[in-house]
PDB file of N, CA and C in Angstrom:
ATOM      1  N   MET A   1       1.761   5.661   2.433  1.00  0.00           N
ATOM      2  CA  MET A   1       2.503   4.648   3.151  1.00  0.00           C
ATOM      3  C   MET A   1       2.799   5.218   4.583  1.00  0.00           C
ATOM      4  N   GLN A   2       2.611   4.466   5.634  1.00  0.00           N
ATOM      5  CA  GLN A   2       2.889   4.789   7.011  1.00  0.00           C
ATOM      6  C   GLN A   2       4.321   4.404   7.376  1.00  0.00           C
ATOM      7  N   GLN A   3       4.887   5.126   8.273  1.00  0.00           N
ATOM      8  CA  GLN A   3       6.285   4.808   8.702  1.00  0.00           C
ATOM      9  C   GLN A   3       6.172   3.438   9.470  1.00  0.00           C
ATOM     10  N   GLY A   4       7.121   2.554   9.123  1.00  0.00           N
ATOM     11  CA  GLY A   4       7.116   1.178   9.728  1.00  0.00           C
ATOM     12  C   GLY A   4       6.278   0.237   9.073  1.00  0.00           C
ATOM     13  N   SER A   5       5.542   0.629   8.019  1.00  0.00           N
ATOM     14  CA  SER A   5       4.624  -0.384   7.346  1.00  0.00           C
ATOM     15  C   SER A   5       5.490  -1.108   6.314  1.00  0.00           C
ATOM     16  N   LEU A   6       4.970  -2.277   5.920  1.00  0.00           N
ATOM     17  CA  LEU A   6       5.643  -3.136   4.898  1.00  0.00           C
ATOM     18  C   LEU A   6       5.506  -2.566   3.513  1.00  0.00           C
ATOM     19  N   ILE A   7       6.493  -2.755   2.640  1.00  0.00           N
ATOM     20  CA  ILE A   7       6.416  -2.363   1.271  1.00  0.00           C
ATOM     21  C   ILE A   7       5.953  -3.570   0.488  1.00  0.00           C
ATOM     22  N   GLU A   8       4.777  -3.421  -0.164  1.00  0.00           N
ATOM     23  CA  GLU A   8       4.221  -4.516  -1.005  1.00  0.00           C
ATOM     24  C   GLU A   8       4.960  -4.449  -2.313  1.00  0.00           C
ATOM     25  N   MET A   9       5.509  -5.526  -2.721  1.00  0.00           N
ATOM     26  CA  MET A   9       6.304  -5.581  -4.045  1.00  0.00           C
ATOM     27  C   MET A   9       5.638  -6.661  -4.836  1.00  0.00           C
ATOM     28  N   THR A  10       4.744  -6.366  -5.759  1.00  0.00           N
ATOM     29  CA  THR A  10       4.044  -7.322  -6.610  1.00  0.00           C
ATOM     30  C   THR A  10       4.733  -7.455  -7.914  1.00  0.00           C
ATOM     31  N   GLY A  11       4.892  -8.627  -8.302  1.00  0.00           N
ATOM     32  CA  GLY A  11       5.487  -8.932  -9.617  1.00  0.00           C
ATOM     33  C   GLY A  11       7.064  -8.762  -9.591  1.00  0.00           C
ATOM     34  N   PRO A  12       7.649  -9.299 -10.635  1.00  0.00           N
ATOM     35  CA  PRO A  12       9.131  -9.203 -10.723  1.00  0.00           C
ATOM     36  C   PRO A  12       9.694  -7.851 -11.188  1.00  0.00           C
ATOM     37  N   LYS A  13       8.785  -6.878 -11.526  1.00  0.00           N
ATOM     38  CA  LYS A  13       9.223  -5.609 -12.063  1.00  0.00           C
ATOM     39  C   LYS A  13       9.668  -4.608 -11.004  1.00  0.00           C
ATOM     40  N   ARG A  14       9.569  -4.908  -9.717  1.00  0.00           N
ATOM     41  CA  ARG A  14      10.055  -3.997  -8.690  1.00  0.00           C
ATOM     42  C   ARG A  14      11.125  -4.564  -7.893  1.00  0.00           C
ATOM     43  N   ALA A  15      12.068  -3.750  -7.401  1.00  0.00           N
ATOM     44  CA  ALA A  15      13.143  -4.224  -6.681  1.00  0.00           C
ATOM     45  C   ALA A  15      13.662  -3.100  -5.724  1.00  0.00           C
ATOM     46  N   ILE A  16      14.422  -3.507  -4.771  1.00  0.00           N
ATOM     47  CA  ILE A  16      15.094  -2.612  -3.878  1.00  0.00           C
ATOM     48  C   ILE A  16      16.622  -2.865  -4.088  1.00  0.00           C
ATOM     49  N   SER A  17      17.385  -1.928  -4.398  1.00  0.00           N
ATOM     50  CA  SER A  17      18.835  -2.070  -4.494  1.00  0.00           C
ATOM     51  C   SER A  17      19.458  -1.415  -3.360  1.00  0.00           C
ATOM     52  N   LEU A  18      20.435  -2.106  -2.707  1.00  0.00           N
ATOM     53  CA  LEU A  18      21.194  -1.520  -1.596  1.00  0.00           C
ATOM     54  C   LEU A  18      22.578  -1.881  -1.717  1.00  0.00           C
ATOM     55  N   CYS A  19      23.435  -0.901  -1.216  1.00  0.00           N
ATOM     56  CA  CYS A  19      24.913  -1.076  -1.268  1.00  0.00           C
ATOM     57  C   CYS A  19      25.452  -2.024  -0.265  1.00  0.00           C
ATOM     58  N   ALA A  20      24.807  -2.175   0.849  1.00  0.00           N
ATOM     59  CA  ALA A  20      25.196  -3.086   1.810  1.00  0.00           C
ATOM     60  C   ALA A  20      24.737  -4.491   1.461  1.00  0.00           C
ATOM     61  N   SER A  21      25.599  -5.496   1.746  1.00  0.00           N
ATOM     62  CA  SER A  21      25.255  -6.851   1.470  1.00  0.00           C
ATOM     63  C   SER A  21      24.158  -7.464   2.413  1.00  0.00           C
ATOM     64  N   VAL A  22      24.219  -6.874   3.704  1.00  0.00           N
ATOM     65  CA  VAL A  22      23.270  -7.287   4.713  1.00  0.00           C
ATOM     66  C   VAL A  22      22.564  -6.006   5.249  1.00  0.00           C
ATOM     67  N   LEU A  23      21.291  -6.084   5.412  1.00  0.00           N
ATOM     68  CA  LEU A  23      20.543  -4.933   5.956  1.00  0.00           C
ATOM     69  C   LEU A  23      19.671  -5.467   7.167  1.00  0.00           C
ATOM     70  N   PHE A  24      19.857  -4.923   8.326  1.00  0.00           N
ATOM     71  CA  PHE A  24      19.061  -5.275   9.456  1.00  0.00           C
ATOM     72  C   PHE A  24      18.242  -4.075   9.721  1.00  0.00           C
ATOM     73  N   GLU A  25      16.932  -4.335   9.805  1.00  0.00           N
ATOM     74  CA  GLU A  25      15.952  -3.253  10.032  1.00  0.00           C
ATOM     75  C   GLU A  25      15.344  -3.499  11.388  1.00  0.00           C
ATOM     76  N   PHE A  26      15.178  -2.400  12.254  1.00  0.00           N
ATOM     77  CA  PHE A  26      14.724  -2.535  13.593  1.00  0.00           C
ATOM     78  C   PHE A  26      13.421  -1.679  13.818  1.00  0.00           C
ATOM     79  N   ASP A  27      12.442  -2.129  14.449  1.00  0.00           N
ATOM     80  CA  ASP A  27      11.291  -1.375  14.862  1.00  0.00           C
ATOM     81  C   ASP A  27      10.783  -2.001  16.146  1.00  0.00           C
ATOM     82  N   MET A  28      11.317  -1.549  17.291  1.00  0.00           N
ATOM     83  CA  MET A  28      10.865  -2.102  18.606  1.00  0.00           C
ATOM     84  C   MET A  28      10.151  -0.969  19.303  1.00  0.00           C
ATOM     85  N   ARG A  29       8.967  -1.430  19.912  1.00  0.00           N
ATOM     86  CA  ARG A  29       8.193  -0.440  20.631  1.00  0.00           C
ATOM     87  C   ARG A  29       7.927  -0.904  21.974  1.00  0.00           C
ATOM     88  N   ILE A  30       7.551   0.021  22.889  1.00  0.00           N
ATOM     89  CA  ILE A  30       7.120  -0.316  24.263  1.00  0.00           C
ATOM     90  C   ILE A  30       5.594  -0.062  24.237  1.00  0.00           C
ATOM     91  N   LYS A  31       4.836  -1.117  24.584  1.00  0.00           N
ATOM     92  CA  LYS A  31       3.403  -0.966  24.636  1.00  0.00           C
ATOM     93  C   LYS A  31       2.997  -0.084  25.711  1.00  0.00           C
ATOM     94  N   ASN A  32       2.142   0.990  25.398  1.00  0.00           N
ATOM     95  CA  ASN A  32       1.835   2.045  26.319  1.00  0.00           C
ATOM     96  C   ASN A  32       0.365   2.323  26.423  1.00  0.00           C
ATOM     97  N   GLY A  33      -0.409   1.522  25.659  1.00  0.00           N
ATOM     98  CA  GLY A  33      -1.849   1.796  25.652  1.00  0.00           C
ATOM     99  C   GLY A  33      -2.578   0.850  24.775  1.00  0.00           C
ATOM    100  N   ASP A  34      -3.868   0.972  24.540  1.00  0.00           N
ATOM    101  CA  ASP A  34      -4.587   0.198  23.659  1.00  0.00           C
ATOM    102  C   ASP A  34      -4.364   0.413  22.181  1.00  0.00           C
ATOM    103  N   GLN A  35      -4.069   1.567  21.785  1.00  0.00           N
ATOM    104  CA  GLN A  35      -3.738   1.909  20.452  1.00  0.00           C
ATOM    105  C   GLN A  35      -2.293   1.935  20.077  1.00  0.00           C
ATOM    106  N   GLU A  36      -1.923   1.466  18.848  1.00  0.00           N
ATOM    107  CA  GLU A  36      -0.584   1.433  18.371  1.00  0.00           C
ATOM    108  C   GLU A  36       0.152   2.761  18.481  1.00  0.00           C
ATOM    109  N   GLU A  37      -0.625   3.842  18.226  1.00  0.00           N
ATOM    110  CA  GLU A  37      -0.074   5.159  18.185  1.00  0.00           C
ATOM    111  C   GLU A  37       0.325   5.662  19.642  1.00  0.00           C
ATOM    112  N   ASP A  38      -0.204   4.932  20.663  1.00  0.00           N
ATOM    113  CA  ASP A  38       0.179   5.212  22.074  1.00  0.00           C
ATOM    114  C   ASP A  38       1.494   4.623  22.444  1.00  0.00           C
ATOM    115  N   ASP A  39       1.996   3.589  21.699  1.00  0.00           N
ATOM    116  CA  ASP A  39       3.257   2.904  21.961  1.00  0.00           C
ATOM    117  C   ASP A  39       4.442   3.889  21.888  1.00  0.00           C
ATOM    118  N   LEU A  40       5.437   3.650  22.757  1.00  0.00           N
ATOM    119  CA  LEU A  40       6.665   4.369  22.755  1.00  0.00           C
ATOM    120  C   LEU A  40       7.620   3.699  21.820  1.00  0.00           C
ATOM    121  N   GLN A  41       8.345   4.535  20.941  1.00  0.00           N
ATOM    122  CA  GLN A  41       9.337   3.886  20.040  1.00  0.00           C
ATOM    123  C   GLN A  41      10.646   3.651  20.765  1.00  0.00           C
ATOM    124  N   LEU A  42      10.964   2.425  21.019  1.00  0.00           N
ATOM    125  CA  LEU A  42      12.230   2.058  21.745  1.00  0.00           C
ATOM    126  C   LEU A  42      13.388   2.314  20.802  1.00  0.00           C
ATOM    127  N   ILE A  43      13.409   1.611  19.705  1.00  0.00           N
ATOM    128  CA  ILE A  43      14.357   1.805  18.603  1.00  0.00           C
ATOM    129  C   ILE A  43      13.722   1.645  17.265  1.00  0.00           C
ATOM    130  N   ASP A  44      14.193   2.361  16.288  1.00  0.00           N
ATOM    131  CA  ASP A  44      13.661   2.366  14.932  1.00  0.00           C
ATOM    132  C   ASP A  44      14.797   2.793  13.936  1.00  0.00           C
ATOM    133  N   GLY A  45      15.024   1.913  12.944  1.00  0.00           N
ATOM    134  CA  GLY A  45      16.136   2.204  12.057  1.00  0.00           C
ATOM    135  C   GLY A  45      16.636   1.050  11.303  1.00  0.00           C
ATOM    136  N   ALA A  46      17.723   1.248  10.605  1.00  0.00           N
ATOM    137  CA  ALA A  46      18.340   0.162   9.917  1.00  0.00           C
ATOM    138  C   ALA A  46      19.906   0.290   9.982  1.00  0.00           C
ATOM    139  N   VAL A  47      20.609  -0.889   9.967  1.00  0.00           N
ATOM    140  CA  VAL A  47      22.022  -0.973   9.928  1.00  0.00           C
ATOM    141  C   VAL A  47      22.419  -1.818   8.783  1.00  0.00           C
ATOM    142  N   GLY A  48      23.340  -1.303   7.940  1.00  0.00           N
ATOM    143  CA  GLY A  48      23.817  -2.120   6.777  1.00  0.00           C
ATOM    144  C   GLY A  48      25.257  -2.479   6.985  1.00  0.00           C
ATOM    145  N   TYR A  49      25.589  -3.627   6.528  1.00  0.00           N
ATOM    146  CA  TYR A  49      26.959  -4.182   6.584  1.00  0.00           C
ATOM    147  C   TYR A  49      27.301  -4.748   5.269  1.00  0.00           C
ATOM    148  N   CYS A  50      28.623  -4.589   4.901  1.00  0.00           N
ATOM    149  CA  CYS A  50      29.066  -5.286   3.736  1.00  0.00           C
ATOM    150  C   CYS A  50      29.916  -6.498   4.161  1.00  0.00           C
ATOM    151  N   GLU A  51      30.073  -7.496   3.291  1.00  0.00           N
ATOM    152  CA  GLU A  51      30.794  -8.632   3.798  1.00  0.00           C
ATOM    153  C   GLU A  51      32.219  -8.390   4.013  1.00  0.00           C
ATOM    154  N   LEU A  52      32.776  -7.360   3.549  1.00  0.00           N
ATOM    155  CA  LEU A  52      34.147  -7.080   3.752  1.00  0.00           C
ATOM    156  C   LEU A  52      34.415  -6.441   5.159  1.00  0.00           C
ATOM    157  N   GLY A  53      33.413  -5.769   5.743  1.00  0.00           N
ATOM    158  CA  GLY A  53      33.571  -5.109   7.008  1.00  0.00           C
ATOM    159  C   GLY A  53      32.944  -5.874   8.162  1.00  0.00           C
ATOM    160  N   ALA A  54      32.014  -6.858   7.876  1.00  0.00           N
ATOM    161  CA  ALA A  54      31.405  -7.521   9.023  1.00  0.00           C
ATOM    162  C   ALA A  54      32.030  -8.942   9.215  1.00  0.00           C
ATOM    163  N   PRO A  55      32.258  -9.282  10.440  1.00  0.00           N
ATOM    164  CA  PRO A  55      32.837 -10.594  10.726  1.00  0.00           C
ATOM    165  C   PRO A  55      31.779 -11.734  10.551  1.00  0.00           C
ATOM    166  N   CYS A  56      32.244 -12.890  10.334  1.00  0.00           N
ATOM    167  CA  CYS A  56      31.388 -14.066  10.141  1.00  0.00           C
ATOM    168  C   CYS A  56      30.996 -14.751  11.476  1.00  0.00           C
ATOM    169  N   TRP A  57      31.417 -14.167  12.555  1.00  0.00           N
ATOM    170  CA  TRP A  57      31.039 -14.707  13.864  1.00  0.00           C
ATOM    171  C   TRP A  57      30.078 -13.659  14.487  1.00  0.00           C
ATOM    172  N   PRO A  58      29.369 -13.988  15.510  1.00  0.00           N
ATOM    173  CA  PRO A  58      28.477 -13.151  16.195  1.00  0.00           C
ATOM    174  C   PRO A  58      29.169 -11.932  16.825  1.00  0.00           C
ATOM    175  N   PHE A  59      28.589 -10.727  16.581  1.00  0.00           N
ATOM    176  CA  PHE A  59      29.108  -9.499  17.257  1.00  0.00           C
ATOM    177  C   PHE A  59      27.930  -8.639  17.717  1.00  0.00           C
ATOM    178  N   THR A  60      28.153  -7.899  18.739  1.00  0.00           N
ATOM    179  CA  THR A  60      27.084  -7.115  19.361  1.00  0.00           C
ATOM    180  C   THR A  60      27.162  -5.646  19.093  1.00  0.00           C
ATOM    181  N   ASN A  61      25.992  -5.050  18.825  1.00  0.00           N
ATOM    182  CA  ASN A  61      25.926  -3.617  18.677  1.00  0.00           C
ATOM    183  C   ASN A  61      24.919  -3.062  19.672  1.00  0.00           C
ATOM    184  N   LEU A  62      25.189  -1.953  20.245  1.00  0.00           N
ATOM    185  CA  LEU A  62      24.227  -1.199  21.096  1.00  0.00           C
ATOM    186  C   LEU A  62      23.485  -0.192  20.268  1.00  0.00           C
ATOM    187  N   ILE A  63      22.185  -0.332  20.153  1.00  0.00           N
ATOM    188  CA  ILE A  63      21.320   0.517  19.489  1.00  0.00           C
ATOM    189  C   ILE A  63      20.541   1.473  20.447  1.00  0.00           C
ATOM    190  N   LYS A  64      20.755   2.744  20.417  1.00  0.00           N
ATOM    191  CA  LYS A  64      20.110   3.673  21.398  1.00  0.00           C
ATOM    192  C   LYS A  64      18.890   4.282  20.811  1.00  0.00           C
ATOM    193  N   GLY A  65      17.893   4.365  21.692  1.00  0.00           N
ATOM    194  CA  GLY A  65      16.687   5.074  21.227  1.00  0.00           C
ATOM    195  C   GLY A  65      16.251   6.091  22.285  1.00  0.00           C
ATOM    196  N   ASP A  66      15.017   6.677  22.062  1.00  0.00           N
ATOM    197  CA  ASP A  66      14.538   7.699  22.919  1.00  0.00           C
ATOM    198  C   ASP A  66      14.178   7.190  24.283  1.00  0.00           C
ATOM    199  N   TYR A  67      13.773   5.978  24.397  1.00  0.00           N
ATOM    200  CA  TYR A  67      13.241   5.340  25.619  1.00  0.00           C
ATOM    201  C   TYR A  67      14.084   4.239  26.136  1.00  0.00           C
ATOM    202  N   GLY A  68      15.337   4.120  25.737  1.00  0.00           N
ATOM    203  CA  GLY A  68      16.184   3.028  26.225  1.00  0.00           C
ATOM    204  C   GLY A  68      17.210   2.600  25.150  1.00  0.00           C
ATOM    205  N   ALA A  69      17.801   1.523  25.407  1.00  0.00           N
ATOM    206  CA  ALA A  69      18.859   0.957  24.415  1.00  0.00           C
ATOM    207  C   ALA A  69      18.701  -0.486  24.384  1.00  0.00           C
ATOM    208  N   VAL A  70      19.032  -1.135  23.211  1.00  0.00           N
ATOM    209  CA  VAL A  70      19.015  -2.540  23.074  1.00  0.00           C
ATOM    210  C   VAL A  70      20.319  -3.039  22.511  1.00  0.00           C
ATOM    211  N   ASP A  71      20.878  -4.071  23.162  1.00  0.00           N
ATOM    212  CA  ASP A  71      22.030  -4.770  22.620  1.00  0.00           C
ATOM    213  C   ASP A  71      21.482  -5.825  21.626  1.00  0.00           C
ATOM    214  N   ILE A  72      22.063  -5.731  20.401  1.00  0.00           N
ATOM    215  CA  ILE A  72      21.681  -6.679  19.384  1.00  0.00           C
ATOM    216  C   ILE A  72      22.895  -7.406  18.903  1.00  0.00           C
ATOM    217  N   THR A  73      22.822  -8.775  18.946  1.00  0.00           N
ATOM    218  CA  THR A  73      23.935  -9.571  18.446  1.00  0.00           C
ATOM    219  C   THR A  73      23.608 -10.032  17.075  1.00  0.00           C
ATOM    220  N   LEU A  74      24.525  -9.823  16.166  1.00  0.00           N
ATOM    221  CA  LEU A  74      24.281 -10.148  14.733  1.00  0.00           C
ATOM    222  C   LEU A  74      25.442 -10.968  14.215  1.00  0.00           C
ATOM    223  N   ALA A  75      25.297 -11.733  13.083  1.00  0.00           N
ATOM    224  CA  ALA A  75      26.251 -12.442  12.440  1.00  0.00           C
ATOM    225  C   ALA A  75      25.959 -12.460  10.941  1.00  0.00           C
ATOM    226  N   LEU A  76      27.004 -12.365  10.227  1.00  0.00           N
ATOM    227  CA  LEU A  76      26.872 -12.478   8.704  1.00  0.00           C
ATOM    228  C   LEU A  76      26.803 -13.913   8.277  1.00  0.00           C
ATOM    229  N   ILE A  77      25.729 -14.219   7.509  1.00  0.00           N
ATOM    230  CA  ILE A  77      25.542 -15.522   7.022  1.00  0.00           C
ATOM    231  C   ILE A  77      25.386 -15.455   5.573  1.00  0.00           C
ATOM    232  N   TYR A  78      26.227 -16.114   4.797  1.00  0.00           N
ATOM    233  CA  TYR A  78      26.199 -16.054   3.409  1.00  0.00           C
ATOM    234  C   TYR A  78      25.044 -16.813   2.836  1.00  0.00           C
ATOM    235  N   ARG A  79      24.540 -16.342   1.711  1.00  0.00           N
ATOM    236  CA  ARG A  79      23.403 -16.989   0.938  1.00  0.00           C
ATOM    237  C   ARG A  79      22.225 -17.317   1.871  1.00  0.00           C
ATOM    238  N   ALA A  80      21.906 -16.282   2.678  1.00  0.00           N
ATOM    239  CA  ALA A  80      20.774 -16.348   3.685  1.00  0.00           C
ATOM    240  C   ALA A  80      19.468 -15.901   3.014  1.00  0.00           C
ATOM    241  N   VAL A  81      18.388 -16.113   3.645  1.00  0.00           N
ATOM    242  CA  VAL A  81      17.074 -15.638   3.252  1.00  0.00           C
ATOM    243  C   VAL A  81      16.522 -14.669   4.231  1.00  0.00           C
ATOM    244  N   GLU A  82      15.475 -13.941   3.901  1.00  0.00           N
ATOM    245  CA  GLU A  82      14.852 -12.997   4.797  1.00  0.00           C
ATOM    246  C   GLU A  82      13.890 -13.678   5.733  1.00  0.00           C
ATOM    247  N   ALA A  83      13.810 -13.159   6.933  1.00  0.00           N
ATOM    248  CA  ALA A  83      12.771 -13.658   7.875  1.00  0.00           C
ATOM    249  C   ALA A  83      12.283 -12.493   8.694  1.00  0.00           C
ATOM    250  N   THR A  84      11.074 -12.443   9.080  1.00  0.00           N
ATOM    251  CA  THR A  84      10.514 -11.452   9.974  1.00  0.00           C
ATOM    252  C   THR A  84      10.033 -12.159  11.235  1.00  0.00           C
ATOM    253  N   ILE A  85      10.414 -11.599  12.363  1.00  0.00           N
ATOM    254  CA  ILE A  85      10.081 -12.150  13.676  1.00  0.00           C
ATOM    255  C   ILE A  85       9.333 -11.081  14.475  1.00  0.00           C
ATOM    256  N   GLU A  86       8.123 -11.351  14.932  1.00  0.00           N
ATOM    257  CA  GLU A  86       7.321 -10.463  15.696  1.00  0.00           C
ATOM    258  C   GLU A  86       7.019 -11.082  17.067  1.00  0.00           C
ATOM    259  N   VAL A  87       7.329 -10.334  18.071  1.00  0.00           N
ATOM    260  CA  VAL A  87       7.095 -10.788  19.461  1.00  0.00           C
ATOM    261  C   VAL A  87       6.115  -9.892  20.103  1.00  0.00           C
ATOM    262  N   VAL A  88       5.091 -10.479  20.707  1.00  0.00           N
ATOM    263  CA  VAL A  88       4.102  -9.673  21.453  1.00  0.00           C
ATOM    264  C   VAL A  88       4.110 -10.089  22.890  1.00  0.00           C
ATOM    265  N   ILE A  89       4.366  -9.165  23.768  1.00  0.00           N
ATOM    266  CA  ILE A  89       4.288  -9.429  25.210  1.00  0.00           C
ATOM    267  C   ILE A  89       2.949  -8.790  25.679  1.00  0.00           C
ATOM    268  N   SER A  90       2.083  -9.685  26.051  1.00  0.00           N
ATOM    269  CA  SER A  90       0.722  -9.127  26.334  1.00  0.00           C
ATOM    270  C   SER A  90       0.613  -8.578  27.764  1.00  0.00           C
ATOM    271  N   GLU A  91       1.342  -8.948  28.669  1.00  0.00           N
ATOM    272  CA  GLU A  91       1.144  -8.553  30.097  1.00  0.00           C
ATOM    273  C   GLU A  91       2.483  -8.608  30.816  1.00  0.00           C
ATOM    274  N   LEU A  92       2.868  -7.673  31.641  1.00  0.00           N
ATOM    275  CA  LEU A  92       3.966  -7.650  32.492  1.00  0.00           C
ATOM    276  C   LEU A  92       3.588  -7.319  33.891  1.00  0.00           C
ATOM    277  N   GLN A  93       4.213  -7.963  34.790  1.00  0.00           N
ATOM    278  CA  GLN A  93       4.006  -7.624  36.213  1.00  0.00           C
ATOM    279  C   GLN A  93       4.989  -6.589  36.732  1.00  0.00           C
ATOM    280  N   ASN A  94       6.295  -6.852  36.443  1.00  0.00           N
ATOM    281  CA  ASN A  94       7.395  -5.977  36.814  1.00  0.00           C
ATOM    282  C   ASN A  94       8.402  -5.904  35.641  1.00  0.00           C
ATOM    283  N   SER A  95       9.628  -5.446  35.924  1.00  0.00           N
ATOM    284  CA  SER A  95      10.627  -5.375  34.932  1.00  0.00           C
ATOM    285  C   SER A  95      11.002  -6.812  34.392  1.00  0.00           C
ATOM    286  N   PHE A  96      11.534  -6.921  33.251  1.00  0.00           N
ATOM    287  CA  PHE A  96      11.771  -8.253  32.688  1.00  0.00           C
ATOM    288  C   PHE A  96      13.006  -8.162  31.877  1.00  0.00           C
ATOM    289  N   HIS A  97      13.582  -9.313  31.537  1.00  0.00           N
ATOM    290  CA  HIS A  97      14.754  -9.564  30.632  1.00  0.00           C
ATOM    291  C   HIS A  97      14.249 -10.396  29.532  1.00  0.00           C
ATOM    292  N   LEU A  98      14.423  -9.897  28.355  1.00  0.00           N
ATOM    293  CA  LEU A  98      14.009 -10.562  27.070  1.00  0.00           C
ATOM    294  C   LEU A  98      15.149 -10.993  26.265  1.00  0.00           C
ATOM    295  N   SER A  99      15.235 -12.249  25.856  1.00  0.00           N
ATOM    296  CA  SER A  99      16.231 -12.755  24.971  1.00  0.00           C
ATOM    297  C   SER A  99      15.612 -13.493  23.856  1.00  0.00           C
ATOM    298  N   LEU A 100      15.873 -13.090  22.661  1.00  0.00           N
ATOM    299  CA  LEU A 100      15.336 -13.759  21.453  1.00  0.00           C
ATOM    300  C   LEU A 100      16.461 -14.441  20.660  1.00  0.00           C
ATOM    301  N   SER A 101      16.213 -15.500  20.060  1.00  0.00           N
ATOM    302  CA  SER A 101      17.227 -16.191  19.299  1.00  0.00           C
ATOM    303  C   SER A 101      16.600 -16.822  18.103  1.00  0.00           C
ATOM    304  N   SER A 102      17.343 -17.198  17.182  1.00  0.00           N
ATOM    305  CA  SER A 102      16.876 -17.945  15.928  1.00  0.00           C
ATOM    306  C   SER A 102      17.821 -19.065  15.614  1.00  0.00           C
ATOM    307  N   PHE A 103      17.318 -19.983  14.866  1.00  0.00           N
ATOM    308  CA  PHE A 103      18.159 -21.127  14.379  1.00  0.00           C
ATOM    309  C   PHE A 103      18.450 -20.959  12.937  1.00  0.00           C
ATOM    310  N   VAL A 104      19.727 -21.212  12.599  1.00  0.00           N
ATOM    311  CA  VAL A 104      20.097 -21.077  11.174  1.00  0.00           C
ATOM    312  C   VAL A 104      20.738 -22.455  10.704  1.00  0.00           C
ATOM    313  N   SER A 105      20.234 -22.944   9.603  1.00  0.00           N
ATOM    314  CA  SER A 105      20.748 -24.167   9.001  1.00  0.00           C
ATOM    315  C   SER A 105      21.394 -23.865   7.755  1.00  0.00           C
ATOM    316  N   ILE A 106      22.660 -24.210   7.628  1.00  0.00           N
ATOM    317  CA  ILE A 106      23.418 -23.896   6.373  1.00  0.00           C
ATOM    318  C   ILE A 106      23.657 -25.273   5.698  1.00  0.00           C
ATOM    319  N   ASN A 107      23.242 -25.301   4.429  1.00  0.00           N
ATOM    320  CA  ASN A 107      23.495 -26.514   3.633  1.00  0.00           C
ATOM    321  C   ASN A 107      24.311 -26.093   2.414  1.00  0.00           C
ATOM    322  N   ASP A 108      25.565 -26.654   2.372  1.00  0.00           N
ATOM    323  CA  ASP A 108      26.397 -26.309   1.163  1.00  0.00           C
ATOM    324  C   ASP A 108      26.317 -27.468   0.184  1.00  0.00           C
TER     325      ASP A 108
END
């Protein structure tokens, strides 16, 4: 298994147990060439929160890496599902500002 690769979990017999109620995993890279191994690792890691320590409103964390830092705004959402978002920026002329957001619908 390579670092950063997905874990294939076939069948109901496998599971991952974690102490944190919420786990945010980060793998952001700076494109630096034609091959993925040429890319610079901006941030890589995971942050876990439990519902007792995380607020239910958006809060911002600064995640520092070897080639920069990223402000990530998070919020605890009860009974949520997992999602993976992949963003590819194919070409840049100069510096840029990137803002990503998602929509959450809560049905009680």
